[in-house]
């Protein structure tokens, strides 16, 4: 996922890492578009989600559509492999978490439902310059389905903040990804990529806050995972700063097929110190 700078000012535009291949190999083809740094606070928020979102979560948890299709001998549902089949300890079941900006929840993408929204985000000039997925919805659809038709090592998600979709995430098994060829991967290393969708959600200081929240979710829900990793472009100073603000440390410079990257690592053993 080769990065480049969308702007030198993290407060006014997203910061992105991109590649050119749209196959599931996250280390070579994903984009990190980060918003600005977040500010920590001690506010406690009430975890109340809209009924519609709770119903969606339950549907994803049970994988009822996928199971029904298998039982009937039908083709897999339009959105691809059930989230219950992933290799990431069921991202669909991770549940909500509190952030300084509100209640945040990762909800696995459904292509037939979410394609218009994700495709619109990919056609935003600030995102398109780095994800390289601008164009008709079929381009984004191919990118999403490549993950669903793989073996569950990468799960595309909508980031829901206070019940509203505002970001796109890919949670992936870095140890099973082409990225593992370029650094000393450990079993169950988990990678993250992110872009912020709407212009109104950029420049609000959400980057570090959401990155920290998602990294904490990974470490809380995946007991076998000792590290969360990311690989922003080495030139992408605002992106690296956001990861540092989220408790990641700079580990090394790595040469990936489409970029020279900063390997960022959040260690389980150091999570309460950084």
C-alpha atoms as a PDB file:
ATOM      1  CA  UNK A   1       0.000   0.000   0.000  1.00  0.00           C
ATOM      2  CA  UNK A   2       2.261   2.780  -1.281  1.00  0.00           C
ATOM      3  CA  UNK A   3       1.634   6.172   0.343  1.00  0.00           C
ATOM      4  CA  UNK A   4       1.905   9.719  -0.810  1.00  0.00           C
ATOM      5  CA  UNK A   5       1.030  13.026   0.768  1.00  0.00           C
ATOM      6  CA  UNK A   6      -2.368  14.489  -0.057  1.00  0.00           C
ATOM      7  CA  UNK A   7      -1.430  17.658   1.744  1.00  0.00           C
ATOM      8  CA  UNK A   8       1.279  18.970   3.987  1.00  0.00           C
ATOM      9  CA  UNK A   9      -1.471  20.100   6.335  1.00  0.00           C
ATOM     10  CA  UNK A  10      -3.044  17.142   8.108  1.00  0.00           C
ATOM     11  CA  UNK A  11      -5.814  19.369   9.365  1.00  0.00           C
ATOM     12  CA  UNK A  12      -7.190  20.251   5.950  1.00  0.00           C
ATOM     13  CA  UNK A  13      -6.901  17.148   3.806  1.00  0.00           C
ATOM     14  CA  UNK A  14      -6.487  13.391   4.142  1.00  0.00           C
ATOM     15  CA  UNK A  15      -3.065  11.802   4.031  1.00  0.00           C
ATOM     16  CA  UNK A  16      -2.849   8.706   1.889  1.00  0.00           C
ATOM     17  CA  UNK A  17      -0.837   5.597   1.155  1.00  0.00           C
ATOM     18  CA  UNK A  18      -1.580   3.816  -2.102  1.00  0.00           C
ATOM     19  CA  UNK A  19      -0.634   1.111  -4.502  1.00  0.00           C
ATOM     20  CA  UNK A  20      -1.687   0.110  -7.963  1.00  0.00           C
ATOM     21  CA  UNK A  21      -2.757  -3.537  -7.585  1.00  0.00           C
ATOM     22  CA  UNK A  22      -6.335  -4.149  -6.463  1.00  0.00           C
ATOM     23  CA  UNK A  23      -5.862  -7.777  -5.413  1.00  0.00           C
ATOM     24  CA  UNK A  24      -6.142  -8.725  -1.712  1.00  0.00           C
ATOM     25  CA  UNK A  25      -2.391  -8.297  -1.027  1.00  0.00           C
ATOM     26  CA  UNK A  26      -2.673  -5.467   1.448  1.00  0.00           C
ATOM     27  CA  UNK A  27       0.993  -4.723   1.810  1.00  0.00           C
ATOM     28  CA  UNK A  28       1.301  -3.948  -1.880  1.00  0.00           C
ATOM     29  CA  UNK A  29      -1.978  -2.288  -2.729  1.00  0.00           C
ATOM     30  CA  UNK A  30      -3.806  -0.574   0.076  1.00  0.00           C
ATOM     31  CA  UNK A  31      -4.182   3.068   1.000  1.00  0.00           C
ATOM     32  CA  UNK A  32      -4.081   4.805   4.352  1.00  0.00           C
ATOM     33  CA  UNK A  33      -5.878   8.155   4.232  1.00  0.00           C
ATOM     34  CA  UNK A  34      -5.630   9.650   7.680  1.00  0.00           C
ATOM     35  CA  UNK A  35      -7.287  12.634   9.250  1.00  0.00           C
ATOM     36  CA  UNK A  36      -5.507  14.859  11.746  1.00  0.00           C
ATOM     37  CA  UNK A  37      -4.289  14.051  15.198  1.00  0.00           C
ATOM     38  CA  UNK A  38      -6.842  13.387  17.947  1.00  0.00           C
ATOM     39  CA  UNK A  39      -6.813  14.717  21.480  1.00  0.00           C
ATOM     40  CA  UNK A  40      -7.245  12.375  24.439  1.00  0.00           C
ATOM     41  CA  UNK A  41      -9.857  13.092  27.097  1.00  0.00           C
ATOM     42  CA  UNK A  42     -11.463  11.221  29.948  1.00  0.00           C
ATOM     43  CA  UNK A  43     -15.089  11.514  28.875  1.00  0.00           C
ATOM     44  CA  UNK A  44     -17.177   8.377  29.280  1.00  0.00           C
ATOM     45  CA  UNK A  45     -19.788   7.901  26.574  1.00  0.00           C
ATOM     46  CA  UNK A  46     -22.962   5.848  26.679  1.00  0.00           C
ATOM     47  CA  UNK A  47     -22.818   2.934  24.228  1.00  0.00           C
ATOM     48  CA  UNK A  48     -26.241   3.407  22.644  1.00  0.00           C
ATOM     49  CA  UNK A  49     -26.587   2.417  19.017  1.00  0.00           C
ATOM     50  CA  UNK A  50     -29.531   2.929  16.640  1.00  0.00           C
ATOM     51  CA  UNK A  51     -31.897  -0.051  16.330  1.00  0.00           C
ATOM     52  CA  UNK A  52     -31.142  -0.266  12.615  1.00  0.00           C
ATOM     53  CA  UNK A  53     -27.417  -0.614  13.276  1.00  0.00           C
ATOM     54  CA  UNK A  54     -28.008  -3.196  16.024  1.00  0.00           C
ATOM     55  CA  UNK A  55     -30.069  -5.241  13.577  1.00  0.00           C
ATOM     56  CA  UNK A  56     -27.295  -4.984  11.008  1.00  0.00           C
ATOM     57  CA  UNK A  57     -24.707  -6.156  13.543  1.00  0.00           C
ATOM     58  CA  UNK A  58     -26.847  -9.146  14.495  1.00  0.00           C
ATOM     59  CA  UNK A  59     -27.311 -10.063  10.842  1.00  0.00           C
ATOM     60  CA  UNK A  60     -23.567  -9.898  10.270  1.00  0.00           C
ATOM     61  CA  UNK A  61     -22.898 -11.926  13.421  1.00  0.00           C
ATOM     62  CA  UNK A  62     -25.124 -14.811  12.499  1.00  0.00           C
ATOM     63  CA  UNK A  63     -24.051 -14.872   8.872  1.00  0.00           C
ATOM     64  CA  UNK A  64     -27.619 -15.955   8.153  1.00  0.00           C
ATOM     65  CA  UNK A  65     -27.603 -15.053   4.478  1.00  0.00           C
ATOM     66  CA  UNK A  66     -24.405 -16.941   3.791  1.00  0.00           C
ATOM     67  CA  UNK A  67     -25.561 -19.958   5.780  1.00  0.00           C
ATOM     68  CA  UNK A  68     -28.921 -20.024   4.006  1.00  0.00           C
ATOM     69  CA  UNK A  69     -27.220 -19.854   0.623  1.00  0.00           C
ATOM     70  CA  UNK A  70     -24.941 -22.765   1.507  1.00  0.00           C
ATOM     71  CA  UNK A  71     -27.839 -24.850   2.834  1.00  0.00           C
ATOM     72  CA  UNK A  72     -29.821 -24.276  -0.360  1.00  0.00           C
ATOM     73  CA  UNK A  73     -26.868 -25.035  -2.608  1.00  0.00           C
ATOM     74  CA  UNK A  74     -26.936 -21.505  -3.933  1.00  0.00           C
ATOM     75  CA  UNK A  75     -24.073 -19.196  -4.860  1.00  0.00           C
ATOM     76  CA  UNK A  76     -22.587 -17.075  -2.053  1.00  0.00           C
ATOM     77  CA  UNK A  77     -24.510 -13.877  -1.266  1.00  0.00           C
ATOM     78  CA  UNK A  78     -23.801 -10.772  -3.330  1.00  0.00           C
ATOM     79  CA  UNK A  79     -21.521  -9.275  -0.713  1.00  0.00           C
ATOM     80  CA  UNK A  80     -19.224 -12.323  -0.758  1.00  0.00           C
ATOM     81  CA  UNK A  81     -17.886 -14.437   2.082  1.00  0.00           C
ATOM     82  CA  UNK A  82     -19.692 -14.135   5.389  1.00  0.00           C
ATOM     83  CA  UNK A  83     -17.798 -12.004   7.937  1.00  0.00           C
ATOM     84  CA  UNK A  84     -18.047 -15.022  10.225  1.00  0.00           C
ATOM     85  CA  UNK A  85     -15.545 -16.768   7.946  1.00  0.00           C
ATOM     86  CA  UNK A  86     -12.708 -14.292   8.379  1.00  0.00           C
ATOM     87  CA  UNK A  87      -9.256 -15.101   9.770  1.00  0.00           C
ATOM     88  CA  UNK A  88      -9.342 -12.172  12.185  1.00  0.00           C
ATOM     89  CA  UNK A  89     -11.462 -13.567  15.018  1.00  0.00           C
ATOM     90  CA  UNK A  90     -14.748 -12.337  13.602  1.00  0.00           C
ATOM     91  CA  UNK A  91     -14.391  -8.614  13.046  1.00  0.00           C
ATOM     92  CA  UNK A  92     -18.189  -8.460  12.812  1.00  0.00           C
ATOM     93  CA  UNK A  93     -18.370  -9.393  16.496  1.00  0.00           C
ATOM     94  CA  UNK A  94     -15.824  -6.897  17.821  1.00  0.00           C
ATOM     95  CA  UNK A  95     -18.533  -4.481  18.872  1.00  0.00           C
ATOM     96  CA  UNK A  96     -18.479  -0.736  19.564  1.00  0.00           C
ATOM     97  CA  UNK A  97     -15.865   1.236  21.452  1.00  0.00           C
ATOM     98  CA  UNK A  98     -15.717   4.728  22.893  1.00  0.00           C
ATOM     99  CA  UNK A  99     -13.469   7.439  21.475  1.00  0.00           C
ATOM    100  CA  UNK A 100     -13.048  11.119  22.304  1.00  0.00           C
ATOM    101  CA  UNK A 101     -15.280  11.817  19.296  1.00  0.00           C
ATOM    102  CA  UNK A 102     -18.075   9.391  20.212  1.00  0.00           C
ATOM    103  CA  UNK A 103     -19.062   5.752  19.896  1.00  0.00           C
ATOM    104  CA  UNK A 104     -17.177   4.047  17.068  1.00  0.00           C
ATOM    105  CA  UNK A 105     -17.945   0.709  15.419  1.00  0.00           C
ATOM    106  CA  UNK A 106     -16.359  -1.273  12.588  1.00  0.00           C
ATOM    107  CA  UNK A 107     -19.103  -2.854  10.454  1.00  0.00           C
ATOM    108  CA  UNK A 108     -18.014  -5.227   7.645  1.00  0.00           C
ATOM    109  CA  UNK A 109     -18.891  -3.905   4.203  1.00  0.00           C
ATOM    110  CA  UNK A 110     -21.761  -5.353   2.187  1.00  0.00           C
ATOM    111  CA  UNK A 111     -21.106  -4.679  -1.447  1.00  0.00           C
ATOM    112  CA  UNK A 112     -24.735  -4.413  -2.539  1.00  0.00           C
ATOM    113  CA  UNK A 113     -25.511  -1.989   0.263  1.00  0.00           C
ATOM    114  CA  UNK A 114     -22.303   0.023   0.658  1.00  0.00           C
ATOM    115  CA  UNK A 115     -20.841   0.193  -2.849  1.00  0.00           C
ATOM    116  CA  UNK A 116     -22.408   3.572  -3.761  1.00  0.00           C
ATOM    117  CA  UNK A 117     -20.999   5.203  -0.637  1.00  0.00           C
ATOM    118  CA  UNK A 118     -17.516   3.683  -0.819  1.00  0.00           C
ATOM    119  CA  UNK A 119     -17.308   4.382  -4.551  1.00  0.00           C
ATOM    120  CA  UNK A 120     -18.258   8.024  -3.952  1.00  0.00           C
ATOM    121  CA  UNK A 121     -15.487   8.316  -1.387  1.00  0.00           C
ATOM    122  CA  UNK A 122     -13.009   6.749  -3.810  1.00  0.00           C
ATOM    123  CA  UNK A 123     -13.954   9.393  -6.378  1.00  0.00           C
ATOM    124  CA  UNK A 124     -13.231  12.267  -4.020  1.00  0.00           C
ATOM    125  CA  UNK A 125     -10.152  13.897  -5.584  1.00  0.00           C
ATOM    126  CA  UNK A 126      -8.328  13.929  -2.244  1.00  0.00           C
ATOM    127  CA  UNK A 127      -8.792  10.164  -1.960  1.00  0.00           C
ATOM    128  CA  UNK A 128      -8.636   9.213  -5.645  1.00  0.00           C
ATOM    129  CA  UNK A 129      -5.139  10.631  -5.997  1.00  0.00           C
ATOM    130  CA  UNK A 130      -3.851   7.982  -3.628  1.00  0.00           C
ATOM    131  CA  UNK A 131      -6.160   4.963  -3.656  1.00  0.00           C
ATOM    132  CA  UNK A 132      -6.251   4.848  -7.451  1.00  0.00           C
ATOM    133  CA  UNK A 133      -9.836   3.525  -7.424  1.00  0.00           C
ATOM    134  CA  UNK A 134     -11.638   6.464  -9.039  1.00  0.00           C
ATOM    135  CA  UNK A 135     -14.057   5.776 -11.857  1.00  0.00           C
ATOM    136  CA  UNK A 136     -17.286   3.800 -12.176  1.00  0.00           C
ATOM    137  CA  UNK A 137     -18.521   1.786  -9.186  1.00  0.00           C
ATOM    138  CA  UNK A 138     -17.305  -1.412 -10.843  1.00  0.00           C
ATOM    139  CA  UNK A 139     -13.706  -0.447 -10.024  1.00  0.00           C
ATOM    140  CA  UNK A 140     -14.414  -0.165  -6.303  1.00  0.00           C
ATOM    141  CA  UNK A 141     -16.593  -3.263  -6.479  1.00  0.00           C
ATOM    142  CA  UNK A 142     -13.709  -5.292  -7.882  1.00  0.00           C
ATOM    143  CA  UNK A 143     -11.471  -4.045  -5.078  1.00  0.00           C
ATOM    144  CA  UNK A 144     -14.011  -5.058  -2.428  1.00  0.00           C
ATOM    145  CA  UNK A 145     -14.909  -8.420  -3.932  1.00  0.00           C
ATOM    146  CA  UNK A 146     -11.240  -9.357  -4.238  1.00  0.00           C
ATOM    147  CA  UNK A 147     -11.180  -9.367  -0.443  1.00  0.00           C
ATOM    148  CA  UNK A 148     -14.449 -11.238   0.004  1.00  0.00           C
ATOM    149  CA  UNK A 149     -13.548 -13.922  -2.504  1.00  0.00           C
ATOM    150  CA  UNK A 150     -10.185 -14.573  -0.835  1.00  0.00           C
ATOM    151  CA  UNK A 151      -9.806 -16.628   2.334  1.00  0.00           C
ATOM    152  CA  UNK A 152     -10.875 -14.055   4.906  1.00  0.00           C
ATOM    153  CA  UNK A 153      -7.458 -12.588   5.559  1.00  0.00           C
ATOM    154  CA  UNK A 154      -8.691  -9.045   4.843  1.00  0.00           C
ATOM    155  CA  UNK A 155     -12.003  -7.557   5.991  1.00  0.00           C
ATOM    156  CA  UNK A 156     -13.204  -4.246   4.509  1.00  0.00           C
ATOM    157  CA  UNK A 157     -15.298  -2.253   6.967  1.00  0.00           C
ATOM    158  CA  UNK A 158     -17.228   0.944   7.330  1.00  0.00           C
ATOM    159  CA  UNK A 159     -16.223   3.036  10.309  1.00  0.00           C
ATOM    160  CA  UNK A 160     -19.429   4.127  12.034  1.00  0.00           C
ATOM    161  CA  UNK A 161     -19.100   7.141  14.327  1.00  0.00           C
ATOM    162  CA  UNK A 162     -22.214   7.743  16.413  1.00  0.00           C
ATOM    163  CA  UNK A 163     -24.112   5.518  13.976  1.00  0.00           C
ATOM    164  CA  UNK A 164     -23.004   7.380  10.836  1.00  0.00           C
ATOM    165  CA  UNK A 165     -20.592   5.874   8.281  1.00  0.00           C
ATOM    166  CA  UNK A 166     -17.616   8.231   7.998  1.00  0.00           C
ATOM    167  CA  UNK A 167     -14.562   6.138   7.145  1.00  0.00           C
ATOM    168  CA  UNK A 168     -13.429   3.022   5.321  1.00  0.00           C
ATOM    169  CA  UNK A 169     -11.074   0.502   6.949  1.00  0.00           C
ATOM    170  CA  UNK A 170      -9.321  -2.677   5.929  1.00  0.00           C
ATOM    171  CA  UNK A 171      -8.304  -4.994   8.758  1.00  0.00           C
ATOM    172  CA  UNK A 172      -5.939  -7.647   7.456  1.00  0.00           C
ATOM    173  CA  UNK A 173      -3.588 -10.420   8.471  1.00  0.00           C
ATOM    174  CA  UNK A 174      -0.208  -8.817   7.838  1.00  0.00           C
ATOM    175  CA  UNK A 175       1.549 -12.137   8.463  1.00  0.00           C
ATOM    176  CA  UNK A 176      -0.399 -13.689   5.555  1.00  0.00           C
ATOM    177  CA  UNK A 177      -0.042 -10.663   3.279  1.00  0.00           C
ATOM    178  CA  UNK A 178       2.688  -9.850   0.713  1.00  0.00           C
ATOM    179  CA  UNK A 179       3.816  -7.235   3.233  1.00  0.00           C
ATOM    180  CA  UNK A 180       5.285 -10.112   5.265  1.00  0.00           C
ATOM    181  CA  UNK A 181       7.948 -10.562   2.563  1.00  0.00           C
ATOM    182  CA  UNK A 182       9.364  -7.175   3.446  1.00  0.00           C
ATOM    183  CA  UNK A 183       9.662  -7.218   7.242  1.00  0.00           C
ATOM    184  CA  UNK A 184      10.197  -9.856   9.973  1.00  0.00           C
ATOM    185  CA  UNK A 185       6.534 -10.722  10.402  1.00  0.00           C
ATOM    186  CA  UNK A 186       5.270 -12.598  13.423  1.00  0.00           C
ATOM    187  CA  UNK A 187       2.270 -14.950  13.531  1.00  0.00           C
ATOM    188  CA  UNK A 188      -1.035 -13.060  13.730  1.00  0.00           C
ATOM    189  CA  UNK A 189       0.444  -9.613  13.045  1.00  0.00           C
ATOM    190  CA  UNK A 190      -2.589  -7.526  12.119  1.00  0.00           C
ATOM    191  CA  UNK A 191      -2.494  -4.597   9.697  1.00  0.00           C
ATOM    192  CA  UNK A 192      -4.837  -1.654   9.277  1.00  0.00           C
ATOM    193  CA  UNK A 193      -5.587   0.763   6.431  1.00  0.00           C
ATOM    194  CA  UNK A 194      -8.022   3.655   6.645  1.00  0.00           C
ATOM    195  CA  UNK A 195      -9.507   6.549   4.732  1.00  0.00           C
ATOM    196  CA  UNK A 196     -11.838   9.250   5.968  1.00  0.00           C
ATOM    197  CA  UNK A 197     -14.824   9.704   3.674  1.00  0.00           C
ATOM    198  CA  UNK A 198     -16.594  13.022   4.041  1.00  0.00           C
ATOM    199  CA  UNK A 199     -14.840  16.359   3.950  1.00  0.00           C
ATOM    200  CA  UNK A 200     -16.666  17.368   7.144  1.00  0.00           C
ATOM    201  CA  UNK A 201     -14.881  14.583   9.038  1.00  0.00           C
ATOM    202  CA  UNK A 202     -11.427  15.713   7.999  1.00  0.00           C
ATOM    203  CA  UNK A 203      -9.425  18.183   9.980  1.00  0.00           C
ATOM    204  CA  UNK A 204     -11.320  17.399  13.195  1.00  0.00           C
ATOM    205  CA  UNK A 205      -8.429  15.691  14.946  1.00  0.00           C
ATOM    206  CA  UNK A 206      -9.888  12.205  14.472  1.00  0.00           C
ATOM    207  CA  UNK A 207      -6.874  10.419  12.989  1.00  0.00           C
ATOM    208  CA  UNK A 208      -4.950   9.411  16.095  1.00  0.00           C
ATOM    209  CA  UNK A 209      -8.100   8.909  18.164  1.00  0.00           C
ATOM    210  CA  UNK A 210      -9.621   6.416  15.732  1.00  0.00           C
ATOM    211  CA  UNK A 211      -6.331   4.676  14.983  1.00  0.00           C
ATOM    212  CA  UNK A 212      -5.783   4.145  18.703  1.00  0.00           C
ATOM    213  CA  UNK A 213      -9.336   2.876  19.145  1.00  0.00           C
ATOM    214  CA  UNK A 214      -9.051   0.379  16.296  1.00  0.00           C
ATOM    215  CA  UNK A 215      -5.613  -0.812  17.398  1.00  0.00           C
ATOM    216  CA  UNK A 216      -7.036  -1.355  20.880  1.00  0.00           C
ATOM    217  CA  UNK A 217      -9.928  -3.324  19.387  1.00  0.00           C
ATOM    218  CA  UNK A 218      -7.480  -5.560  17.544  1.00  0.00           C
ATOM    219  CA  UNK A 219      -5.457  -6.245  20.679  1.00  0.00           C
ATOM    220  CA  UNK A 220      -8.550  -6.752  22.820  1.00  0.00           C
ATOM    221  CA  UNK A 221     -10.358  -9.070  20.398  1.00  0.00           C
ATOM    222  CA  UNK A 222      -7.374 -10.989  18.982  1.00  0.00           C
ATOM    223  CA  UNK A 223      -5.570 -12.619  21.886  1.00  0.00           C
ATOM    224  CA  UNK A 224      -3.031 -14.258  19.559  1.00  0.00           C
ATOM    225  CA  UNK A 225      -2.019 -10.912  18.053  1.00  0.00           C
ATOM    226  CA  UNK A 226       0.976  -9.273  19.727  1.00  0.00           C
ATOM    227  CA  UNK A 227       1.387  -6.396  17.242  1.00  0.00           C
ATOM    228  CA  UNK A 228      -0.667  -4.082  15.067  1.00  0.00           C
ATOM    229  CA  UNK A 229       1.244  -2.782  12.054  1.00  0.00           C
ATOM    230  CA  UNK A 230       0.912  -0.157   9.339  1.00  0.00           C
ATOM    231  CA  UNK A 231       3.143   0.981   6.489  1.00  0.00           C
ATOM    232  CA  UNK A 232       2.590   4.647   5.544  1.00  0.00           C
ATOM    233  CA  UNK A 233       4.803   6.214   2.911  1.00  0.00           C
ATOM    234  CA  UNK A 234       8.003   7.499   4.484  1.00  0.00           C
ATOM    235  CA  UNK A 235       7.296  10.938   2.958  1.00  0.00           C
ATOM    236  CA  UNK A 236       3.879  11.070   4.550  1.00  0.00           C
ATOM    237  CA  UNK A 237       4.809  12.982   7.683  1.00  0.00           C
ATOM    238  CA  UNK A 238       1.224  13.781   8.813  1.00  0.00           C
ATOM    239  CA  UNK A 239       0.291  10.094   8.509  1.00  0.00           C
ATOM    240  CA  UNK A 240       3.320   8.979  10.507  1.00  0.00           C
ATOM    241  CA  UNK A 241       2.535  11.636  13.110  1.00  0.00           C
ATOM    242  CA  UNK A 242      -1.031  10.314  13.418  1.00  0.00           C
ATOM    243  CA  UNK A 243       0.237   6.786  14.014  1.00  0.00           C
ATOM    244  CA  UNK A 244       2.732   8.039  16.585  1.00  0.00           C
ATOM    245  CA  UNK A 245      -0.086   9.903  18.314  1.00  0.00           C
ATOM    246  CA  UNK A 246      -2.052   6.640  18.414  1.00  0.00           C
ATOM    247  CA  UNK A 247       0.669   4.783  20.301  1.00  0.00           C
ATOM    248  CA  UNK A 248       2.510   3.278  17.350  1.00  0.00           C
ATOM    249  CA  UNK A 249       6.306   3.396  17.204  1.00  0.00           C
ATOM    250  CA  UNK A 250       8.502   3.807  14.164  1.00  0.00           C
ATOM    251  CA  UNK A 251      10.161   0.418  13.633  1.00  0.00           C
ATOM    252  CA  UNK A 252      12.021   0.554  10.332  1.00  0.00           C
ATOM    253  CA  UNK A 253      12.099   1.773   6.758  1.00  0.00           C
ATOM    254  CA  UNK A 254      10.965  -0.893   4.306  1.00  0.00           C
ATOM    255  CA  UNK A 255      11.061  -1.014   0.527  1.00  0.00           C
ATOM    256  CA  UNK A 256       7.698  -2.110  -0.850  1.00  0.00           C
ATOM    257  CA  UNK A 257       6.927  -2.563  -4.563  1.00  0.00           C
ATOM    258  CA  UNK A 258       5.376   0.884  -4.938  1.00  0.00           C
ATOM    259  CA  UNK A 259       6.898   2.920  -2.119  1.00  0.00           C
ATOM    260  CA  UNK A 260       9.466   3.266   0.603  1.00  0.00           C
ATOM    261  CA  UNK A 261       7.463   2.934   3.783  1.00  0.00           C
ATOM    262  CA  UNK A 262       7.707   3.620   7.474  1.00  0.00           C
ATOM    263  CA  UNK A 263       6.858   0.421   9.314  1.00  0.00           C
ATOM    264  CA  UNK A 264       4.736   1.507  12.269  1.00  0.00           C
ATOM    265  CA  UNK A 265       4.108  -0.943  15.099  1.00  0.00           C
ATOM    266  CA  UNK A 266       1.825  -0.919  18.122  1.00  0.00           C
ATOM    267  CA  UNK A 267       3.019  -3.565  20.569  1.00  0.00           C
ATOM    268  CA  UNK A 268       0.704  -5.280  23.013  1.00  0.00           C
ATOM    269  CA  UNK A 269       3.454  -5.159  25.629  1.00  0.00           C
ATOM    270  CA  UNK A 270       3.823  -1.383  25.264  1.00  0.00           C
ATOM    271  CA  UNK A 271       0.197  -0.413  24.689  1.00  0.00           C
ATOM    272  CA  UNK A 272      -0.263   1.213  28.094  1.00  0.00           C
ATOM    273  CA  UNK A 273       3.035   3.106  27.865  1.00  0.00           C
ATOM    274  CA  UNK A 274       2.599   4.806  24.471  1.00  0.00           C
END
